[in-house]
Amino acid sequence: MHSIKPLPEFTRWLDALPDPIVRGVVVARIKRSQASDIKRAKALAQLLD
């Protein structure tokens, strides 16, 4: 398992999301990626670009 450390810019972006459901989906995806392989983490990074 790998660990993901949020950057301050990401935390500000996440906190600024107006929709709590979307925020929950993003957080859930990040938590799942921590328990997953690196390939899935790279897919998440591409989604957030």
N, C-alpha and C. Protein backbone atom coordinates (compact mmCIF):
# COMPACT_ATOMS: atom_id res chain seq x y z
N MET A 1 0.84 -1.17 0.00
CA MET A 1 0.00 0.00 0.00
C MET A 1 0.89 1.24 0.00
N HIS A 2 0.48 2.24 -0.74
CA HIS A 2 1.23 3.49 -0.76
C HIS A 2 0.39 4.57 -0.08
N SER A 3 1.04 5.67 0.20
CA SER A 3 0.35 6.75 0.89
C SER A 3 0.33 7.99 0.00
N ILE A 4 -0.74 8.73 0.09
CA ILE A 4 -0.89 9.95 -0.70
C ILE A 4 -0.96 11.13 0.25
N LYS A 5 -0.05 12.07 0.08
CA LYS A 5 -0.02 13.26 0.93
C LYS A 5 -0.61 14.42 0.13
N PRO A 6 -1.71 15.00 0.60
CA PRO A 6 -2.31 16.09 -0.17
C PRO A 6 -1.48 17.37 -0.10
N LEU A 7 -1.35 18.01 -1.23
CA LEU A 7 -0.67 19.30 -1.27
C LEU A 7 -1.63 20.39 -0.83
N PRO A 8 -1.12 21.50 -0.29
CA PRO A 8 -2.01 22.58 0.16
C PRO A 8 -2.92 23.09 -0.96
N GLU A 9 -2.40 23.15 -2.19
CA GLU A 9 -3.22 23.62 -3.31
C GLU A 9 -4.40 22.69 -3.56
N PHE A 10 -4.14 21.39 -3.45
CA PHE A 10 -5.21 20.41 -3.65
C PHE A 10 -6.25 20.52 -2.54
N THR A 11 -5.78 20.67 -1.32
CA THR A 11 -6.70 20.80 -0.18
C THR A 11 -7.59 22.02 -0.34
N ARG A 12 -7.01 23.13 -0.78
CA ARG A 12 -7.81 24.35 -1.02
C ARG A 12 -8.83 24.11 -2.12
N TRP A 13 -8.40 23.45 -3.20
CA TRP A 13 -9.31 23.15 -4.31
C TRP A 13 -10.45 22.26 -3.84
N LEU A 14 -10.11 21.21 -3.09
CA LEU A 14 -11.13 20.29 -2.59
C LEU A 14 -12.11 20.99 -1.66
N ASP A 15 -11.58 21.81 -0.76
CA ASP A 15 -12.44 22.54 0.18
C ASP A 15 -13.35 23.54 -0.54
N ALA A 16 -12.91 24.02 -1.69
CA ALA A 16 -13.69 25.03 -2.43
C ALA A 16 -14.77 24.41 -3.31
N LEU A 17 -14.77 23.08 -3.46
CA LEU A 17 -15.81 22.47 -4.28
C LEU A 17 -17.17 22.73 -3.65
N PRO A 18 -18.10 23.27 -4.44
CA PRO A 18 -19.40 23.63 -3.86
C PRO A 18 -20.31 22.43 -3.58
N ASP A 19 -20.07 21.32 -4.26
CA ASP A 19 -20.95 20.16 -4.14
C ASP A 19 -20.34 19.13 -3.19
N PRO A 20 -20.95 18.90 -2.03
CA PRO A 20 -20.37 17.94 -1.08
C PRO A 20 -20.36 16.51 -1.62
N ILE A 21 -21.26 16.18 -2.53
CA ILE A 21 -21.27 14.83 -3.11
C ILE A 21 -20.04 14.63 -3.97
N VAL A 22 -19.71 15.61 -4.79
CA VAL A 22 -18.52 15.52 -5.63
C VAL A 22 -17.27 15.44 -4.76
N ARG A 23 -17.23 16.25 -3.72
CA ARG A 23 -16.09 16.23 -2.80
C ARG A 23 -15.95 14.83 -2.19
N GLY A 24 -17.05 14.22 -1.80
CA GLY A 24 -17.02 12.88 -1.24
C GLY A 24 -16.54 11.84 -2.23
N VAL A 25 -16.95 11.99 -3.49
CA VAL A 25 -16.51 11.06 -4.54
C VAL A 25 -14.99 11.16 -4.73
N VAL A 26 -14.48 12.38 -4.76
CA VAL A 26 -13.03 12.58 -4.94
C VAL A 26 -12.27 11.97 -3.76
N VAL A 27 -12.73 12.25 -2.55
CA VAL A 27 -12.05 11.72 -1.36
C VAL A 27 -12.11 10.19 -1.34
N ALA A 28 -13.26 9.63 -1.69
CA ALA A 28 -13.39 8.17 -1.72
C ALA A 28 -12.45 7.56 -2.75
N ARG A 29 -12.34 8.21 -3.89
CA ARG A 29 -11.44 7.70 -4.94
C ARG A 29 -9.99 7.71 -4.47
N ILE A 30 -9.61 8.77 -3.79
CA ILE A 30 -8.23 8.86 -3.29
C ILE A 30 -7.98 7.77 -2.25
N LYS A 31 -8.93 7.56 -1.36
CA LYS A 31 -8.77 6.51 -0.35
C LYS A 31 -8.65 5.13 -0.99
N ARG A 32 -9.46 4.89 -2.04
CA ARG A 32 -9.36 3.61 -2.73
C ARG A 32 -8.01 3.47 -3.42
N SER A 33 -7.51 4.56 -3.96
CA SER A 33 -6.23 4.48 -4.67
C SER A 33 -5.08 4.20 -3.72
N GLN A 34 -5.21 4.58 -2.46
CA GLN A 34 -4.16 4.29 -1.49
C GLN A 34 -4.03 2.79 -1.28
N ALA A 35 -5.11 2.08 -1.40
CA ALA A 35 -5.08 0.64 -1.18
C ALA A 35 -4.89 -0.14 -2.48
N SER A 36 -4.75 0.57 -3.56
CA SER A 36 -4.69 -0.04 -4.88
C SER A 36 -3.27 0.04 -5.42
N ASP A 37 -3.11 -0.42 -6.64
CA ASP A 37 -1.77 -0.38 -7.23
C ASP A 37 -1.46 0.99 -7.84
N ILE A 38 -0.23 1.20 -8.19
CA ILE A 38 0.24 2.49 -8.70
C ILE A 38 -0.42 2.85 -10.02
N LYS A 39 -0.82 1.85 -10.80
CA LYS A 39 -1.46 2.13 -12.08
C LYS A 39 -2.77 2.90 -11.88
N ARG A 40 -3.52 2.55 -10.88
CA ARG A 40 -4.77 3.27 -10.60
C ARG A 40 -4.50 4.67 -10.09
N ALA A 41 -3.45 4.85 -9.32
CA ALA A 41 -3.10 6.18 -8.84
C ALA A 41 -2.73 7.08 -10.01
N LYS A 42 -2.05 6.52 -11.01
CA LYS A 42 -1.70 7.31 -12.19
C LYS A 42 -2.96 7.70 -12.96
N ALA A 43 -3.95 6.81 -13.02
CA ALA A 43 -5.21 7.13 -13.69
C ALA A 43 -5.90 8.27 -12.98
N LEU A 44 -5.87 8.29 -11.66
CA LEU A 44 -6.46 9.39 -10.90
C LEU A 44 -5.75 10.70 -11.18
N ALA A 45 -4.44 10.64 -11.25
CA ALA A 45 -3.66 11.85 -11.54
C ALA A 45 -4.04 12.42 -12.90
N GLN A 46 -4.27 11.56 -13.86
CA GLN A 46 -4.68 12.02 -15.21
C GLN A 46 -6.05 12.64 -15.16
N LEU A 47 -6.95 12.12 -14.35
CA LEU A 47 -8.29 12.69 -14.22
C LEU A 47 -8.26 14.09 -13.62
N LEU A 48 -7.32 14.31 -12.71
CA LEU A 48 -7.26 15.59 -12.01
C LEU A 48 -6.48 16.64 -12.78
N ASP A 49 -5.81 16.25 -13.85
CA ASP A 49 -5.06 17.23 -14.66
C ASP A 49 -5.98 18.09 -15.48
